[in-house]
């Protein structure tokens, strides 16, 4: 059964909007961090990470966990 937006209760609609907003904010933050981080602080290819961040929830969280290296002063 395919549900349409209007089939959802107001509470369900709000939940979808909040979860979607959090996902977009997380992805935007990860892409911004990737774009501004120096190349020597990125584990792997920037292009691969940029594509991976587009994968809902998993990509941005993976970026923050495994994609970044600490700055040289903190290594």
N, C-alpha and C. Protein backbone atom coordinates (compact mmCIF):
# COMPACT_ATOMS: atom_id res chain seq x y z
N UNK A 1 0.84 -1.18 0.00
CA UNK A 1 0.00 0.00 0.00
C UNK A 1 0.88 1.24 0.00
N UNK A 2 0.76 2.05 -1.00
CA UNK A 2 1.48 3.31 -1.07
C UNK A 2 0.68 4.39 -0.37
N UNK A 3 1.34 5.06 0.56
CA UNK A 3 0.66 6.14 1.28
C UNK A 3 1.07 7.47 0.68
N UNK A 4 0.14 8.34 0.59
CA UNK A 4 0.37 9.69 0.10
C UNK A 4 0.59 10.61 1.30
N UNK A 5 1.16 11.78 1.03
CA UNK A 5 1.42 12.76 2.10
C UNK A 5 0.14 13.07 2.87
N UNK A 6 -0.94 13.27 2.15
CA UNK A 6 -2.19 13.64 2.80
C UNK A 6 -2.79 12.49 3.62
N UNK A 7 -2.31 11.26 3.40
CA UNK A 7 -2.77 10.12 4.20
C UNK A 7 -2.12 10.09 5.58
N UNK A 8 -1.04 10.81 5.76
CA UNK A 8 -0.34 10.83 7.04
C UNK A 8 -1.03 11.77 8.01
N UNK A 9 -0.95 11.44 9.27
CA UNK A 9 -1.51 12.32 10.30
C UNK A 9 -0.60 13.55 10.42
N UNK A 10 -1.09 14.63 10.99
CA UNK A 10 -0.23 15.81 11.18
C UNK A 10 1.04 15.47 11.97
N UNK A 11 0.92 14.61 12.96
CA UNK A 11 2.10 14.22 13.74
C UNK A 11 3.11 13.47 12.87
N UNK A 12 2.65 12.57 12.03
CA UNK A 12 3.53 11.84 11.13
C UNK A 12 4.18 12.78 10.12
N UNK A 13 3.42 13.74 9.61
CA UNK A 13 3.98 14.71 8.68
C UNK A 13 5.10 15.52 9.35
N UNK A 14 4.87 15.97 10.58
CA UNK A 14 5.90 16.71 11.32
C UNK A 14 7.15 15.86 11.53
N UNK A 15 6.95 14.58 11.88
CA UNK A 15 8.07 13.68 12.10
C UNK A 15 8.90 13.52 10.83
N UNK A 16 8.24 13.33 9.72
CA UNK A 16 8.95 13.21 8.44
C UNK A 16 9.74 14.48 8.14
N UNK A 17 9.15 15.63 8.37
CA UNK A 17 9.83 16.90 8.11
C UNK A 17 11.03 17.10 9.03
N UNK A 18 10.88 16.75 10.30
CA UNK A 18 11.99 16.92 11.25
C UNK A 18 13.13 15.97 10.91
N UNK A 19 12.82 14.71 10.67
CA UNK A 19 13.87 13.73 10.35
C UNK A 19 14.56 14.10 9.04
N UNK A 20 13.79 14.54 8.06
CA UNK A 20 14.38 14.97 6.79
C UNK A 20 15.27 16.19 6.96
N UNK A 21 14.85 17.12 7.79
CA UNK A 21 15.65 18.33 8.04
C UNK A 21 16.97 17.99 8.74
N UNK A 22 16.90 17.08 9.70
CA UNK A 22 18.12 16.67 10.39
C UNK A 22 19.07 15.99 9.41
N UNK A 23 18.55 15.12 8.55
CA UNK A 23 19.38 14.44 7.56
C UNK A 23 20.05 15.46 6.63
N UNK A 24 19.29 16.42 6.13
CA UNK A 24 19.87 17.43 5.24
C UNK A 24 20.91 18.29 5.95
N UNK A 25 20.64 18.65 7.18
CA UNK A 25 21.61 19.45 7.94
C UNK A 25 22.89 18.66 8.18
N UNK A 26 22.77 17.39 8.50
CA UNK A 26 23.94 16.55 8.72
C UNK A 26 24.77 16.43 7.44
N UNK A 27 24.11 16.20 6.32
CA UNK A 27 24.81 16.09 5.04
C UNK A 27 25.46 17.42 4.65
N UNK A 28 24.75 18.53 4.83
CA UNK A 28 25.32 19.84 4.49
C UNK A 28 26.54 20.15 5.36
N UNK A 29 26.46 19.79 6.64
CA UNK A 29 27.60 20.01 7.53
C UNK A 29 28.79 19.16 7.11
N UNK A 30 28.53 17.92 6.74
CA UNK A 30 29.62 17.02 6.31
C UNK A 30 30.24 17.53 5.01
N UNK A 31 29.42 17.94 4.04
CA UNK A 31 29.96 18.46 2.78
C UNK A 31 30.76 19.74 3.00
N UNK A 32 30.28 20.60 3.88
CA UNK A 32 31.01 21.84 4.18
C UNK A 32 32.34 21.52 4.83
N UNK A 33 32.34 20.59 5.77
CA UNK A 33 33.59 20.19 6.42
C UNK A 33 34.56 19.59 5.41
N UNK A 34 34.06 18.75 4.52
CA UNK A 34 34.91 18.15 3.48
C UNK A 34 35.50 19.23 2.57
N UNK A 35 34.69 20.20 2.19
CA UNK A 35 35.15 21.24 1.26
C UNK A 35 36.18 22.17 1.89
N UNK A 36 36.11 22.38 3.18
CA UNK A 36 37.01 23.33 3.83
C UNK A 36 38.21 22.67 4.51
N UNK A 37 38.21 21.36 4.61
CA UNK A 37 39.29 20.64 5.27
C UNK A 37 40.49 20.50 4.31
N UNK A 38 41.71 20.77 4.76
CA UNK A 38 42.89 20.58 3.91
C UNK A 38 43.02 19.12 3.46
N UNK A 39 43.61 18.92 2.29
CA UNK A 39 43.71 17.58 1.70
C UNK A 39 44.46 16.59 2.61
N UNK A 40 45.44 17.07 3.37
CA UNK A 40 46.20 16.15 4.22
C UNK A 40 45.40 15.72 5.46
N UNK A 41 44.22 16.26 5.65
CA UNK A 41 43.36 15.87 6.77
C UNK A 41 42.16 15.04 6.31
N UNK A 42 42.20 14.55 5.05
CA UNK A 42 41.12 13.74 4.51
C UNK A 42 41.64 12.33 4.28
N UNK A 43 40.96 11.34 4.83
CA UNK A 43 41.31 9.94 4.59
C UNK A 43 40.69 9.50 3.27
N UNK A 44 41.50 9.36 2.24
CA UNK A 44 41.00 8.90 0.95
C UNK A 44 40.67 10.03 -0.01
N UNK A 45 39.87 9.69 -0.99
CA UNK A 45 39.52 10.59 -2.08
C UNK A 45 38.38 11.53 -1.69
N UNK A 46 38.57 12.81 -1.98
CA UNK A 46 37.50 13.78 -1.73
C UNK A 46 36.25 13.45 -2.56
N UNK A 47 36.45 13.05 -3.81
CA UNK A 47 35.31 12.74 -4.68
C UNK A 47 34.52 11.55 -4.13
N UNK A 48 35.21 10.55 -3.63
CA UNK A 48 34.53 9.39 -3.06
C UNK A 48 33.75 9.79 -1.81
N UNK A 49 34.36 10.60 -0.96
CA UNK A 49 33.67 11.05 0.25
C UNK A 49 32.47 11.93 -0.10
N UNK A 50 32.61 12.79 -1.10
CA UNK A 50 31.49 13.64 -1.50
C UNK A 50 30.30 12.80 -1.95
N UNK A 51 30.57 11.73 -2.69
CA UNK A 51 29.50 10.84 -3.13
C UNK A 51 28.93 10.04 -1.96
N UNK A 52 29.80 9.58 -1.09
CA UNK A 52 29.35 8.77 0.05
C UNK A 52 28.48 9.58 1.02
N UNK A 53 28.79 10.85 1.19
CA UNK A 53 28.00 11.69 2.08
C UNK A 53 26.55 11.78 1.62
N UNK A 54 26.32 11.58 0.31
CA UNK A 54 24.96 11.64 -0.22
C UNK A 54 24.10 10.45 0.21
N UNK A 55 24.72 9.40 0.76
CA UNK A 55 23.96 8.24 1.23
C UNK A 55 23.35 8.59 2.59
N UNK A 56 22.03 8.54 2.66
CA UNK A 56 21.32 8.98 3.86
C UNK A 56 21.90 8.39 5.13
N UNK A 57 22.09 9.23 6.11
CA UNK A 57 22.55 8.93 7.46
C UNK A 57 23.91 8.26 7.49
N UNK A 58 24.11 7.19 6.74
CA UNK A 58 25.35 6.43 6.80
C UNK A 58 26.53 7.26 6.32
N UNK A 59 26.38 7.94 5.20
CA UNK A 59 27.49 8.70 4.61
C UNK A 59 28.01 9.81 5.50
N UNK A 60 27.15 10.73 5.95
CA UNK A 60 27.65 11.79 6.82
C UNK A 60 28.25 11.27 8.12
N UNK A 61 27.61 10.27 8.71
CA UNK A 61 28.15 9.72 9.96
C UNK A 61 29.49 9.04 9.72
N UNK A 62 29.63 8.34 8.58
CA UNK A 62 30.91 7.72 8.24
C UNK A 62 31.99 8.79 8.04
N UNK A 63 31.63 9.90 7.41
CA UNK A 63 32.59 10.99 7.21
C UNK A 63 33.12 11.48 8.56
N UNK A 64 32.23 11.75 9.49
CA UNK A 64 32.66 12.27 10.78
C UNK A 64 33.42 11.24 11.60
N UNK A 65 33.18 9.96 11.35
CA UNK A 65 33.89 8.92 12.09
C UNK A 65 35.21 8.51 11.44
N UNK A 66 35.22 8.26 10.12
CA UNK A 66 36.39 7.70 9.46
C UNK A 66 37.01 8.58 8.39
N UNK A 67 36.35 9.60 7.93
CA UNK A 67 36.85 10.38 6.80
C UNK A 67 37.85 11.46 7.15
N UNK A 68 37.86 11.87 8.39
CA UNK A 68 38.71 13.00 8.79
C UNK A 68 39.92 12.54 9.58
N UNK A 69 41.02 13.18 9.33
CA UNK A 69 42.22 13.00 10.14
C UNK A 69 42.35 14.22 11.04
N UNK A 70 42.94 14.05 12.20
CA UNK A 70 43.16 15.23 13.05
C UNK A 70 44.18 16.16 12.41
N UNK A 71 44.14 17.45 12.72
CA UNK A 71 45.15 18.39 12.21
C UNK A 71 46.54 17.93 12.64
N UNK A 72 47.58 18.27 11.85
CA UNK A 72 48.93 17.82 12.17
C UNK A 72 49.37 18.16 13.60
N UNK A 73 48.92 19.29 14.13
CA UNK A 73 49.32 19.67 15.48
C UNK A 73 48.78 18.73 16.54
N UNK A 74 47.68 18.02 16.23
CA UNK A 74 47.05 17.12 17.21
C UNK A 74 47.42 15.65 17.01
N UNK A 75 48.23 15.35 15.99
CA UNK A 75 48.58 13.95 15.73
C UNK A 75 49.65 13.46 16.64
